[in-house]
């Protein structure tokens, strides 16, 4: 096992950084600052950072076919053009007193999966939704607390999913024809791992890279749960990660200010920064929403 050290991206600080995305169409790393209603982007060639102010919280950003984006906000999904202007709004009909949108991902067939998180801590009344190609939402999994990392095996036969408080990476057989979760498989338990699993991505070999909130780490697991590598970050509240760069060999990592969870308080001066680390493995591009 190797241990890698991530370095900060200067000027990238957010309150609650989330929703990592490498956009190969513009060769930039994008992420969101949830409660400041910002979509941010970083150009690793020029080192310039820009932002787009949105009128509402943003918890997730993904790509649409062509040049636009899909984002999640509280109880809605929005389709944006390349200028981040709203073209379409989809109401998920959530009760915002119970759950808000959180992490999401687009599957290999261009369909959106979006999870929600409890408004009342420990309530376990949140859900994981999948949307069909007409953007009609259905519940895929009920009674979750904080829906986070979602990704698939390279052959799309297994879906990985994180409900953070459970401290495991759940695995399901995935039926791409019906767009549904199948039988539950043996999960990857993180019970004995310090911190809590948050966002996640997979590399081009099918291994998982999991942001560990509270531990200041991204931990790399094989599909059967063998710990392969660890990335150490200089602050505690690591939230999400995505591969990017011209060869997809740079892992970009977001974090939150330590005030969001004071029990984990090391590296408070860098809390909220983005980090990057070059790796000897390659990631894969995010799928595009077919809309």
Protein backbone atom coordinates (compact mmCIF):
# COMPACT_ATOMS: atom_id res chain seq x y z
CA UNK A 1 0.00 0.00 0.00
CA UNK A 2 1.21 3.52 -0.83
CA UNK A 3 0.45 6.77 0.97
CA UNK A 4 0.21 9.97 -1.07
CA UNK A 5 0.06 13.56 0.16
CA UNK A 6 -2.43 15.94 -1.44
CA UNK A 7 -1.53 19.60 -1.87
CA UNK A 8 -3.92 22.57 -1.65
CA UNK A 9 -5.22 24.42 -4.69
CA UNK A 10 -4.42 28.04 -3.88
CA UNK A 11 -7.49 30.30 -3.69
CA UNK A 12 -9.99 27.41 -3.73
CA UNK A 13 -11.48 27.85 -0.25
CA UNK A 14 -15.20 27.20 0.26
CA UNK A 15 -17.45 26.81 3.27
CA UNK A 16 -18.75 23.39 2.24
CA UNK A 17 -17.08 22.14 -0.91
CA UNK A 18 -18.85 19.23 -2.62
CA UNK A 19 -19.93 17.85 -6.00
CA UNK A 20 -16.60 17.28 -7.73
CA UNK A 21 -16.59 17.10 -11.54
CA UNK A 22 -13.85 17.09 -14.17
CA UNK A 23 -15.25 18.64 -17.35
CA UNK A 24 -13.09 17.48 -20.24
CA UNK A 25 -15.07 19.72 -22.60
CA UNK A 26 -13.50 22.81 -21.05
CA UNK A 27 -10.56 21.11 -19.29
CA UNK A 28 -11.57 22.42 -15.88
CA UNK A 29 -12.33 21.00 -12.44
CA UNK A 30 -15.74 22.06 -11.10
CA UNK A 31 -17.22 21.85 -7.63
CA UNK A 32 -19.91 23.54 -5.53
CA UNK A 33 -19.89 25.63 -2.39
CA UNK A 34 -23.23 24.37 -1.10
CA UNK A 35 -24.51 27.07 1.23
CA UNK A 36 -22.94 30.01 -0.58
CA UNK A 37 -24.85 28.98 -3.72
CA UNK A 38 -21.74 28.85 -5.86
CA UNK A 39 -20.51 26.69 -8.72
CA UNK A 40 -16.73 27.04 -8.89
CA UNK A 41 -14.18 26.06 -11.52
CA UNK A 42 -10.42 25.67 -11.54
CA UNK A 43 -8.19 25.76 -14.60
CA UNK A 44 -5.08 23.68 -13.74
CA UNK A 45 -3.12 25.21 -16.62
CA UNK A 46 -3.61 28.88 -15.72
CA UNK A 47 -4.35 28.19 -12.01
CA UNK A 48 -7.29 30.57 -12.32
CA UNK A 49 -10.45 30.03 -10.28
CA UNK A 50 -13.83 31.43 -11.25
CA UNK A 51 -17.33 31.09 -9.84
CA UNK A 52 -20.95 31.34 -10.86
CA UNK A 53 -23.49 32.63 -8.36
CA UNK A 54 -26.71 30.63 -8.30
CA UNK A 55 -29.99 31.71 -6.64
CA UNK A 56 -30.20 28.57 -4.51
CA UNK A 57 -28.04 25.97 -2.72
CA UNK A 58 -26.29 23.51 -5.03
CA UNK A 59 -25.38 20.03 -3.74
CA UNK A 60 -24.39 18.25 -6.97
CA UNK A 61 -23.23 19.11 -10.48
CA UNK A 62 -22.92 16.81 -13.49
CA UNK A 63 -22.64 17.05 -17.27
CA UNK A 64 -25.39 17.07 -19.86
CA UNK A 65 -24.92 15.83 -23.40
CA UNK A 66 -23.37 18.64 -25.37
CA UNK A 67 -22.20 21.55 -23.27
CA UNK A 68 -24.58 22.04 -20.38
CA UNK A 69 -24.91 20.85 -16.79
CA UNK A 70 -27.36 19.21 -14.41
CA UNK A 71 -27.47 20.34 -10.78
CA UNK A 72 -29.42 19.43 -7.67
CA UNK A 73 -30.78 22.02 -5.23
CA UNK A 74 -32.85 21.33 -2.12
CA UNK A 75 -35.95 19.78 -3.78
CA UNK A 76 -35.30 20.40 -7.47
CA UNK A 77 -33.15 19.27 -10.37
CA UNK A 78 -32.11 22.02 -12.78
CA UNK A 79 -30.82 21.69 -16.32
CA UNK A 80 -28.36 24.45 -17.15
CA UNK A 81 -26.77 25.56 -20.40
CA UNK A 82 -23.03 26.17 -20.72
CA UNK A 83 -23.52 29.70 -19.33
CA UNK A 84 -25.09 28.19 -16.18
CA UNK A 85 -28.49 29.58 -17.11
CA UNK A 86 -31.57 27.51 -16.20
CA UNK A 87 -33.26 25.79 -19.14
CA UNK A 88 -35.50 23.37 -17.26
CA UNK A 89 -36.60 22.71 -13.66
CA UNK A 90 -37.74 19.33 -12.34
CA UNK A 91 -39.56 19.24 -9.01
CA UNK A 92 -38.75 16.09 -7.01
CA UNK A 93 -41.74 16.83 -4.76
CA UNK A 94 -39.68 16.47 -1.60
CA UNK A 95 -40.83 17.62 1.81
CA UNK A 96 -38.01 20.05 2.59
CA UNK A 97 -38.75 19.69 6.31
CA UNK A 98 -37.61 16.06 6.04
CA UNK A 99 -35.03 15.75 3.24
CA UNK A 100 -32.91 17.79 0.85
CA UNK A 101 -31.00 16.72 -2.23
CA UNK A 102 -27.40 15.70 -1.66
CA UNK A 103 -24.97 13.69 -3.81
CA UNK A 104 -25.69 12.23 -7.24
CA UNK A 105 -24.24 10.66 -10.38
CA UNK A 106 -25.17 9.78 -13.96
CA UNK A 107 -25.03 6.11 -14.95
CA UNK A 108 -23.53 4.64 -18.11
CA UNK A 109 -26.87 5.00 -19.88
CA UNK A 110 -27.22 8.73 -19.27
CA UNK A 111 -29.73 8.53 -16.41
CA UNK A 112 -29.49 10.57 -13.24
CA UNK A 113 -29.35 9.10 -9.73
CA UNK A 114 -29.74 11.57 -6.88
CA UNK A 115 -29.76 10.98 -3.14
CA UNK A 116 -31.19 13.05 -0.33
CA UNK A 117 -30.11 13.71 3.24
CA UNK A 118 -32.08 14.01 6.46
CA UNK A 119 -32.95 17.50 7.63
CA UNK A 120 -33.43 16.07 11.13
CA UNK A 121 -30.25 14.22 12.09
CA UNK A 122 -30.72 10.51 12.59
CA UNK A 123 -34.25 10.49 11.21
CA UNK A 124 -33.40 8.04 8.38
CA UNK A 125 -36.31 9.28 6.27
CA UNK A 126 -34.26 10.28 3.23
CA UNK A 127 -34.21 8.49 -0.11
CA UNK A 128 -32.18 7.52 -3.14
CA UNK A 129 -33.95 8.42 -6.39
CA UNK A 130 -33.39 7.41 -9.98
CA UNK A 131 -34.72 9.41 -12.91
CA UNK A 132 -35.66 7.87 -16.23
CA UNK A 133 -34.80 9.38 -19.61
CA UNK A 134 -37.87 11.61 -19.31
CA UNK A 135 -36.59 12.84 -15.92
CA UNK A 136 -39.45 11.22 -14.04
CA UNK A 137 -38.19 10.32 -10.56
CA UNK A 138 -38.79 7.07 -8.69
CA UNK A 139 -37.56 5.92 -5.29
CA UNK A 140 -34.78 3.33 -5.58
CA UNK A 141 -33.99 3.04 -1.86
CA UNK A 142 -35.84 4.32 1.20
CA UNK A 143 -34.96 5.08 4.82
CA UNK A 144 -31.46 6.41 4.33
CA UNK A 145 -29.87 9.13 6.45
CA UNK A 146 -27.20 10.87 4.35
CA UNK A 147 -27.06 9.68 0.76
CA UNK A 148 -23.56 10.15 -0.64
CA UNK A 149 -21.15 8.39 -3.01
CA UNK A 150 -22.71 6.67 -6.03
CA UNK A 151 -20.81 4.89 -8.81
CA UNK A 152 -20.73 1.72 -10.90
CA UNK A 153 -18.38 -1.07 -11.86
CA UNK A 154 -16.85 -0.77 -15.37
CA UNK A 155 -19.32 -3.31 -16.76
CA UNK A 156 -22.23 -1.54 -15.01
CA UNK A 157 -23.31 -4.77 -13.32
CA UNK A 158 -22.64 -3.50 -9.78
CA UNK A 159 -23.70 -0.22 -8.21
CA UNK A 160 -21.79 1.16 -5.22
CA UNK A 161 -23.62 3.41 -2.77
CA UNK A 162 -22.83 5.15 0.51
CA UNK A 163 -25.29 6.03 3.26
CA UNK A 164 -22.68 7.77 5.37
CA UNK A 165 -23.77 6.98 8.97
CA UNK A 166 -23.83 3.24 8.23
CA UNK A 167 -20.05 3.40 7.62
CA UNK A 168 -20.02 0.96 4.75
CA UNK A 169 -19.98 0.94 0.97
CA UNK A 170 -23.10 -0.90 -0.09
CA UNK A 171 -23.05 -2.98 -3.28
CA UNK A 172 -26.00 -4.00 -5.40
CA UNK A 173 -26.52 -5.93 -8.57
CA UNK A 174 -27.54 -3.33 -11.14
CA UNK A 175 -30.11 -3.98 -13.84
CA UNK A 176 -29.34 -1.51 -16.61
CA UNK A 177 -32.42 -2.56 -18.58
CA UNK A 178 -34.93 -1.69 -15.88
CA UNK A 179 -32.76 0.98 -14.23
CA UNK A 180 -33.21 -0.62 -10.81
CA UNK A 181 -31.17 -1.97 -7.93
CA UNK A 182 -31.06 -5.74 -7.70
CA UNK A 183 -29.91 -8.04 -4.93
CA UNK A 184 -27.72 -6.66 -2.18
CA UNK A 185 -24.13 -7.94 -2.25
CA UNK A 186 -21.57 -8.15 0.57
CA UNK A 187 -20.78 -4.53 1.52
CA UNK A 188 -17.35 -3.08 2.22
CA UNK A 189 -17.41 -2.35 5.94
CA UNK A 190 -15.64 0.77 7.20
CA UNK A 191 -16.76 0.31 10.79
CA UNK A 192 -13.18 0.17 12.07
CA UNK A 193 -12.03 3.10 9.92
CA UNK A 194 -11.73 6.51 11.62
CA UNK A 195 -14.14 9.04 10.17
CA UNK A 196 -17.18 8.58 7.94
CA UNK A 197 -17.35 7.72 4.21
CA UNK A 198 -18.64 10.57 2.05
CA UNK A 199 -18.25 11.10 -1.71
CA UNK A 200 -16.69 8.48 -3.97
CA UNK A 201 -15.46 7.79 -7.48
CA UNK A 202 -14.04 4.78 -9.34
CA UNK A 203 -10.94 4.54 -11.52
CA UNK A 204 -10.56 2.89 -14.90
CA UNK A 205 -9.68 -0.44 -13.26
CA UNK A 206 -12.88 -0.46 -11.20
CA UNK A 207 -11.28 0.36 -7.85
CA UNK A 208 -12.98 2.80 -5.48
CA UNK A 209 -11.65 6.10 -4.10
CA UNK A 210 -13.61 7.19 -1.04
CA UNK A 211 -13.46 10.56 0.73
CA UNK A 212 -13.38 10.01 4.49
CA UNK A 213 -15.01 12.86 6.43
CA UNK A 214 -13.19 13.38 9.72
CA UNK A 215 -10.03 11.44 8.82
CA UNK A 216 -8.59 13.84 6.26
CA UNK A 217 -8.15 10.98 3.83
CA UNK A 218 -9.22 9.50 0.54
CA UNK A 219 -9.00 5.72 0.83
CA UNK A 220 -8.63 3.47 -2.22
CA UNK A 221 -10.36 0.09 -2.06
CA UNK A 222 -10.62 -2.83 -4.43
CA UNK A 223 -14.17 -3.98 -5.28
CA UNK A 224 -13.91 -6.64 -2.54
CA UNK A 225 -12.73 -4.16 0.09
CA UNK A 226 -8.94 -4.53 0.13
CA UNK A 227 -7.28 -1.23 1.09
CA UNK A 228 -4.91 -0.43 -1.76
CA UNK A 229 -3.73 3.15 -1.20
CA UNK A 230 -4.34 6.15 1.05
CA UNK A 231 -4.23 9.86 0.24
CA UNK A 232 -3.60 12.12 3.20
CA UNK A 233 -5.00 15.66 3.17
CA UNK A 234 -4.01 18.41 5.63
CA UNK A 235 -7.52 18.98 6.98
CA UNK A 236 -10.16 16.74 8.50
CA UNK A 237 -13.45 17.15 6.65
CA UNK A 238 -12.83 15.64 3.22
CA UNK A 239 -16.05 15.48 1.21
CA UNK A 240 -15.70 14.32 -2.40
CA UNK A 241 -13.20 13.43 -5.13
CA UNK A 242 -12.91 13.06 -8.91
CA UNK A 243 -10.16 12.21 -11.35
CA UNK A 244 -9.19 14.88 -13.86
CA UNK A 245 -6.39 16.48 -15.82
CA UNK A 246 -5.35 15.68 -19.40
CA UNK A 247 -4.53 12.05 -18.57
CA UNK A 248 -7.14 11.67 -15.80
CA UNK A 249 -4.32 10.98 -13.35
CA UNK A 250 -4.92 13.90 -10.99
CA UNK A 251 -7.36 13.32 -8.15
CA UNK A 252 -9.15 16.52 -7.15
CA UNK A 253 -10.56 16.57 -3.62
CA UNK A 254 -12.97 18.93 -1.83
CA UNK A 255 -13.36 19.64 1.87
CA UNK A 256 -15.43 21.59 4.38
CA UNK A 257 -14.52 24.06 7.10
CA UNK A 258 -13.98 22.28 10.40
CA UNK A 259 -16.78 24.34 11.98
CA UNK A 260 -19.21 21.95 10.24
CA UNK A 261 -18.09 19.15 12.56
CA UNK A 262 -15.94 20.43 15.45
CA UNK A 263 -15.19 16.93 16.76
CA UNK A 264 -12.81 16.63 13.81
CA UNK A 265 -10.77 19.79 13.97
CA UNK A 266 -7.24 19.24 12.67
CA UNK A 267 -6.05 21.41 9.83
CA UNK A 268 -8.69 24.06 10.43
CA UNK A 269 -6.65 26.66 8.51
CA UNK A 270 -7.14 24.60 5.34
CA UNK A 271 -10.70 23.49 5.97
CA UNK A 272 -12.76 24.18 2.86
CA UNK A 273 -9.81 24.07 0.46
CA UNK A 274 -9.62 21.88 -2.62
CA UNK A 275 -6.63 19.57 -2.93
CA UNK A 276 -4.94 17.71 -5.74
CA UNK A 277 -2.62 14.75 -6.02
CA UNK A 278 -1.03 13.11 -9.06
CA UNK A 279 -1.37 9.33 -9.10
CA UNK A 280 0.04 6.40 -11.11
CA UNK A 281 -3.49 5.27 -11.99
CA UNK A 282 -6.09 6.83 -14.28
CA UNK A 283 -9.69 7.68 -13.60
CA UNK A 284 -12.60 7.74 -16.01
CA UNK A 285 -14.75 10.53 -17.35
CA UNK A 286 -18.11 11.22 -15.76
CA UNK A 287 -21.11 10.13 -17.79
CA UNK A 288 -23.38 12.73 -19.41
CA UNK A 289 -27.07 13.11 -18.74
CA UNK A 290 -28.93 12.41 -21.97
CA UNK A 291 -31.10 15.50 -22.02
